């Protein structure tokens, strides 16, 4: 069974950083590699700028922005139903796979959910801050020398005992 990658919380600008690596191996998905991260699935929060659905509803797309950048979300066949009720100006949560074609990078939508409560954006911002702080703390711990650790000794530690004789 193929393990599904975690959809990482990202800003749209993050999807345009790094190098896109296309894979032919199902166990190693298409991904974006940066100096500090590698990801293939993303979870973004953005506002719909444009919406398109072809007449037979076999293809649909939305263009979204989160004020850092703009990206297109593409949906095919049975997944186009996610666009029902989505209109320009709506705040949406998008989970999908990062892809690249002749038109550039996009997200192949897996889930699109309209967000009703605008406070959700504040919650997302706090989530991102916590994740960034934990990442920074972890990196600092990795680069700091470990204090108070005794070096292993080559000497044997033998306790002296009295022997009656």
C-alpha atoms as a PDB file:
ATOM      1  CA  UNK A   1       0.000   0.000   0.000  1.00  0.00           C
ATOM      2  CA  UNK A   2       1.317   3.453  -0.930  1.00  0.00           C
ATOM      3  CA  UNK A   3       1.591   5.849   2.008  1.00  0.00           C
ATOM      4  CA  UNK A   4       0.009   9.247   1.415  1.00  0.00           C
ATOM      5  CA  UNK A   5       2.320  12.204   2.020  1.00  0.00           C
ATOM      6  CA  UNK A   6       1.344  14.759   4.654  1.00  0.00           C
ATOM      7  CA  UNK A   7      -0.174  17.940   3.226  1.00  0.00           C
ATOM      8  CA  UNK A   8       2.114  20.628   4.638  1.00  0.00           C
ATOM      9  CA  UNK A   9       0.808  24.048   5.651  1.00  0.00           C
ATOM     10  CA  UNK A  10       2.219  26.446   3.086  1.00  0.00           C
ATOM     11  CA  UNK A  11       1.780  29.935   1.708  1.00  0.00           C
ATOM     12  CA  UNK A  12       1.330  30.155  -2.053  1.00  0.00           C
ATOM     13  CA  UNK A  13       4.747  31.834  -2.494  1.00  0.00           C
ATOM     14  CA  UNK A  14       6.366  28.688  -1.027  1.00  0.00           C
ATOM     15  CA  UNK A  15       5.140  26.674  -4.028  1.00  0.00           C
ATOM     16  CA  UNK A  16       7.300  28.717  -6.374  1.00  0.00           C
ATOM     17  CA  UNK A  17      10.507  28.327  -4.372  1.00  0.00           C
ATOM     18  CA  UNK A  18      12.905  25.512  -4.987  1.00  0.00           C
ATOM     19  CA  UNK A  19      13.168  22.998  -7.771  1.00  0.00           C
ATOM     20  CA  UNK A  20      10.293  20.883  -9.069  1.00  0.00           C
ATOM     21  CA  UNK A  21      11.289  17.224  -9.232  1.00  0.00           C
ATOM     22  CA  UNK A  22       9.118  15.013 -11.413  1.00  0.00           C
ATOM     23  CA  UNK A  23       9.047  11.326 -10.564  1.00  0.00           C
ATOM     24  CA  UNK A  24       8.044   8.204 -12.454  1.00  0.00           C
ATOM     25  CA  UNK A  25       8.066   6.100  -9.277  1.00  0.00           C
ATOM     26  CA  UNK A  26       4.694   5.865  -7.487  1.00  0.00           C
ATOM     27  CA  UNK A  27       6.488   5.515  -4.141  1.00  0.00           C
ATOM     28  CA  UNK A  28       8.396   8.765  -4.722  1.00  0.00           C
ATOM     29  CA  UNK A  29       5.874  11.466  -5.737  1.00  0.00           C
ATOM     30  CA  UNK A  30       6.477  14.673  -7.718  1.00  0.00           C
ATOM     31  CA  UNK A  31       7.805  17.222  -5.268  1.00  0.00           C
ATOM     32  CA  UNK A  32       9.365  20.594  -4.648  1.00  0.00           C
ATOM     33  CA  UNK A  33      12.782  20.633  -3.026  1.00  0.00           C
ATOM     34  CA  UNK A  34      14.162  23.717  -1.290  1.00  0.00           C
ATOM     35  CA  UNK A  35      17.217  24.126   0.925  1.00  0.00           C
ATOM     36  CA  UNK A  36      15.112  23.619   4.043  1.00  0.00           C
ATOM     37  CA  UNK A  37      12.131  21.508   2.971  1.00  0.00           C
ATOM     38  CA  UNK A  38      10.734  18.940   0.564  1.00  0.00           C
ATOM     39  CA  UNK A  39       7.017  18.554  -0.067  1.00  0.00           C
ATOM     40  CA  UNK A  40       4.599  17.035  -2.554  1.00  0.00           C
ATOM     41  CA  UNK A  41       1.216  17.812  -0.967  1.00  0.00           C
ATOM     42  CA  UNK A  42       0.151  21.172   0.408  1.00  0.00           C
ATOM     43  CA  UNK A  43      -2.560  22.691   2.562  1.00  0.00           C
ATOM     44  CA  UNK A  44      -3.176  26.350   1.732  1.00  0.00           C
ATOM     45  CA  UNK A  45      -5.720  28.986   2.732  1.00  0.00           C
ATOM     46  CA  UNK A  46      -6.512  31.495  -0.008  1.00  0.00           C
ATOM     47  CA  UNK A  47      -9.132  33.714  -1.597  1.00  0.00           C
ATOM     48  CA  UNK A  48     -10.711  32.810  -4.942  1.00  0.00           C
ATOM     49  CA  UNK A  49      -9.890  35.328  -7.688  1.00  0.00           C
ATOM     50  CA  UNK A  50     -11.389  33.475 -10.656  1.00  0.00           C
ATOM     51  CA  UNK A  51     -13.410  30.330 -11.342  1.00  0.00           C
ATOM     52  CA  UNK A  52     -13.832  28.209 -14.485  1.00  0.00           C
ATOM     53  CA  UNK A  53     -15.845  25.073 -15.294  1.00  0.00           C
ATOM     54  CA  UNK A  54     -16.029  23.558 -18.785  1.00  0.00           C
ATOM     55  CA  UNK A  55     -19.528  22.764 -20.161  1.00  0.00           C
ATOM     56  CA  UNK A  56     -19.450  19.006 -19.495  1.00  0.00           C
ATOM     57  CA  UNK A  57     -17.954  19.604 -16.004  1.00  0.00           C
ATOM     58  CA  UNK A  58     -15.026  17.257 -16.674  1.00  0.00           C
ATOM     59  CA  UNK A  59     -12.544  20.035 -15.887  1.00  0.00           C
ATOM     60  CA  UNK A  60     -12.659  22.981 -13.548  1.00  0.00           C
ATOM     61  CA  UNK A  61     -10.218  25.378 -11.993  1.00  0.00           C
ATOM     62  CA  UNK A  62      -9.949  28.273  -9.612  1.00  0.00           C
ATOM     63  CA  UNK A  63      -7.251  30.867  -9.339  1.00  0.00           C
ATOM     64  CA  UNK A  64      -6.470  31.735  -5.716  1.00  0.00           C
ATOM     65  CA  UNK A  65      -4.284  34.172  -3.794  1.00  0.00           C
ATOM     66  CA  UNK A  66      -3.159  34.441  -0.200  1.00  0.00           C
ATOM     67  CA  UNK A  67      -1.528  37.858  -0.699  1.00  0.00           C
ATOM     68  CA  UNK A  68       1.903  36.249  -1.105  1.00  0.00           C
ATOM     69  CA  UNK A  69       1.319  34.906  -4.645  1.00  0.00           C
ATOM     70  CA  UNK A  70      -1.353  33.515  -6.970  1.00  0.00           C
ATOM     71  CA  UNK A  71      -1.748  29.923  -8.174  1.00  0.00           C
ATOM     72  CA  UNK A  72      -4.254  27.878 -10.169  1.00  0.00           C
ATOM     73  CA  UNK A  73      -6.017  24.868  -8.648  1.00  0.00           C
ATOM     74  CA  UNK A  74      -7.038  22.285 -11.265  1.00  0.00           C
ATOM     75  CA  UNK A  75      -9.685  19.599 -10.839  1.00  0.00           C
ATOM     76  CA  UNK A  76     -10.609  16.785 -13.206  1.00  0.00           C
ATOM     77  CA  UNK A  77     -13.541  14.391 -13.668  1.00  0.00           C
ATOM     78  CA  UNK A  78     -15.202  13.357 -10.396  1.00  0.00           C
ATOM     79  CA  UNK A  79     -13.314  15.955  -8.332  1.00  0.00           C
ATOM     80  CA  UNK A  80     -14.931  18.959 -10.039  1.00  0.00           C
ATOM     81  CA  UNK A  81     -17.852  18.751  -7.580  1.00  0.00           C
ATOM     82  CA  UNK A  82     -15.587  20.509  -5.062  1.00  0.00           C
ATOM     83  CA  UNK A  83     -16.187  23.708  -7.027  1.00  0.00           C
ATOM     84  CA  UNK A  84     -19.945  23.648  -6.391  1.00  0.00           C
ATOM     85  CA  UNK A  85     -20.850  26.735  -4.400  1.00  0.00           C
ATOM     86  CA  UNK A  86     -17.361  28.251  -4.705  1.00  0.00           C
ATOM     87  CA  UNK A  87     -17.422  31.820  -6.029  1.00  0.00           C
ATOM     88  CA  UNK A  88     -15.013  34.687  -6.589  1.00  0.00           C
ATOM     89  CA  UNK A  89     -14.090  36.267  -3.237  1.00  0.00           C
ATOM     90  CA  UNK A  90     -14.625  33.096  -1.174  1.00  0.00           C
ATOM     91  CA  UNK A  91     -12.018  32.040   1.360  1.00  0.00           C
ATOM     92  CA  UNK A  92     -11.073  28.401   0.681  1.00  0.00           C
ATOM     93  CA  UNK A  93      -8.896  25.724   2.209  1.00  0.00           C
ATOM     94  CA  UNK A  94      -7.170  23.701  -0.504  1.00  0.00           C
ATOM     95  CA  UNK A  95      -5.387  20.389  -0.107  1.00  0.00           C
ATOM     96  CA  UNK A  96      -3.657  19.021  -3.146  1.00  0.00           C
ATOM     97  CA  UNK A  97      -0.577  17.819  -4.957  1.00  0.00           C
ATOM     98  CA  UNK A  98       1.973  20.229  -6.389  1.00  0.00           C
ATOM     99  CA  UNK A  99       2.330  19.847 -10.156  1.00  0.00           C
ATOM    100  CA  UNK A 100       4.004  21.621 -13.038  1.00  0.00           C
ATOM    101  CA  UNK A 101       3.128  21.743 -16.747  1.00  0.00           C
ATOM    102  CA  UNK A 102       3.816  24.003 -19.722  1.00  0.00           C
ATOM    103  CA  UNK A 103       1.785  26.783 -18.052  1.00  0.00           C
ATOM    104  CA  UNK A 104       3.794  26.615 -14.817  1.00  0.00           C
ATOM    105  CA  UNK A 105       3.159  25.308 -11.318  1.00  0.00           C
ATOM    106  CA  UNK A 106      -0.305  24.503 -10.079  1.00  0.00           C
ATOM    107  CA  UNK A 107      -2.083  22.424  -7.451  1.00  0.00           C
ATOM    108  CA  UNK A 108      -3.958  19.305  -8.460  1.00  0.00           C
ATOM    109  CA  UNK A 109      -6.871  19.716  -6.087  1.00  0.00           C
ATOM    110  CA  UNK A 110      -7.833  16.856  -3.806  1.00  0.00           C
ATOM    111  CA  UNK A 111     -10.061  18.785  -1.375  1.00  0.00           C
ATOM    112  CA  UNK A 112     -11.450  22.306  -1.604  1.00  0.00           C
ATOM    113  CA  UNK A 113     -13.535  23.574   1.261  1.00  0.00           C
ATOM    114  CA  UNK A 114     -15.201  26.956   1.535  1.00  0.00           C
ATOM    115  CA  UNK A 115     -14.376  28.588   4.875  1.00  0.00           C
ATOM    116  CA  UNK A 116     -17.331  30.353   6.464  1.00  0.00           C
ATOM    117  CA  UNK A 117     -15.661  31.802   9.563  1.00  0.00           C
ATOM    118  CA  UNK A 118     -13.025  34.470   8.796  1.00  0.00           C
ATOM    119  CA  UNK A 119     -11.394  33.749  12.181  1.00  0.00           C
ATOM    120  CA  UNK A 120     -10.099  30.554  10.607  1.00  0.00           C
ATOM    121  CA  UNK A 121      -7.489  32.705   8.820  1.00  0.00           C
ATOM    122  CA  UNK A 122      -6.247  33.950  12.207  1.00  0.00           C
ATOM    123  CA  UNK A 123      -6.019  30.368  13.456  1.00  0.00           C
ATOM    124  CA  UNK A 124      -4.042  29.365  10.357  1.00  0.00           C
ATOM    125  CA  UNK A 125      -1.620  32.251  10.932  1.00  0.00           C
ATOM    126  CA  UNK A 126      -1.032  31.073  14.517  1.00  0.00           C
ATOM    127  CA  UNK A 127      -0.534  27.479  13.314  1.00  0.00           C
ATOM    128  CA  UNK A 128       2.100  28.663  10.854  1.00  0.00           C
ATOM    129  CA  UNK A 129       3.886  30.719  13.528  1.00  0.00           C
ATOM    130  CA  UNK A 130       4.013  27.719  15.872  1.00  0.00           C
ATOM    131  CA  UNK A 131       5.366  25.452  13.130  1.00  0.00           C
ATOM    132  CA  UNK A 132       8.025  28.008  12.165  1.00  0.00           C
ATOM    133  CA  UNK A 133       9.058  28.483  15.817  1.00  0.00           C
ATOM    134  CA  UNK A 134       9.360  24.724  16.351  1.00  0.00           C
ATOM    135  CA  UNK A 135      11.406  24.409  13.149  1.00  0.00           C
ATOM    136  CA  UNK A 136      13.723  27.251  14.238  1.00  0.00           C
ATOM    137  CA  UNK A 137      14.096  25.803  17.745  1.00  0.00           C
ATOM    138  CA  UNK A 138      14.914  22.366  16.318  1.00  0.00           C
ATOM    139  CA  UNK A 139      17.537  23.808  13.957  1.00  0.00           C
ATOM    140  CA  UNK A 140      19.136  25.742  16.827  1.00  0.00           C
ATOM    141  CA  UNK A 141      19.273  22.596  18.962  1.00  0.00           C
ATOM    142  CA  UNK A 142      20.934  20.688  16.120  1.00  0.00           C
ATOM    143  CA  UNK A 143      23.642  23.341  15.667  1.00  0.00           C
ATOM    144  CA  UNK A 144      24.402  23.971  19.361  1.00  0.00           C
ATOM    145  CA  UNK A 145      27.086  21.840  21.019  1.00  0.00           C
ATOM    146  CA  UNK A 146      25.699  19.387  23.490  1.00  0.00           C
ATOM    147  CA  UNK A 147      26.695  20.497  26.968  1.00  0.00           C
ATOM    148  CA  UNK A 148      27.095  18.438  30.104  1.00  0.00           C
ATOM    149  CA  UNK A 149      27.614  15.243  28.202  1.00  0.00           C
ATOM    150  CA  UNK A 150      30.520  13.162  29.412  1.00  0.00           C
ATOM    151  CA  UNK A 151      32.867  11.843  26.842  1.00  0.00           C
ATOM    152  CA  UNK A 152      33.010   8.057  26.860  1.00  0.00           C
ATOM    153  CA  UNK A 153      36.050   6.804  28.711  1.00  0.00           C
ATOM    154  CA  UNK A 154      38.325   4.006  27.662  1.00  0.00           C
ATOM    155  CA  UNK A 155      39.051   3.219  31.311  1.00  0.00           C
ATOM    156  CA  UNK A 156      37.262   0.454  33.126  1.00  0.00           C
ATOM    157  CA  UNK A 157      35.452   1.553  36.231  1.00  0.00           C
ATOM    158  CA  UNK A 158      36.203  -1.144  38.775  1.00  0.00           C
ATOM    159  CA  UNK A 159      34.955  -0.836  42.317  1.00  0.00           C
ATOM    160  CA  UNK A 160      37.373  -1.806  45.036  1.00  0.00           C
ATOM    161  CA  UNK A 161      36.049  -4.343  47.471  1.00  0.00           C
ATOM    162  CA  UNK A 162      37.587  -5.794  50.556  1.00  0.00           C
ATOM    163  CA  UNK A 163      38.314  -9.428  50.364  1.00  0.00           C
ATOM    164  CA  UNK A 164      38.730 -11.400  53.538  1.00  0.00           C
ATOM    165  CA  UNK A 165      41.526 -13.752  53.296  1.00  0.00           C
END
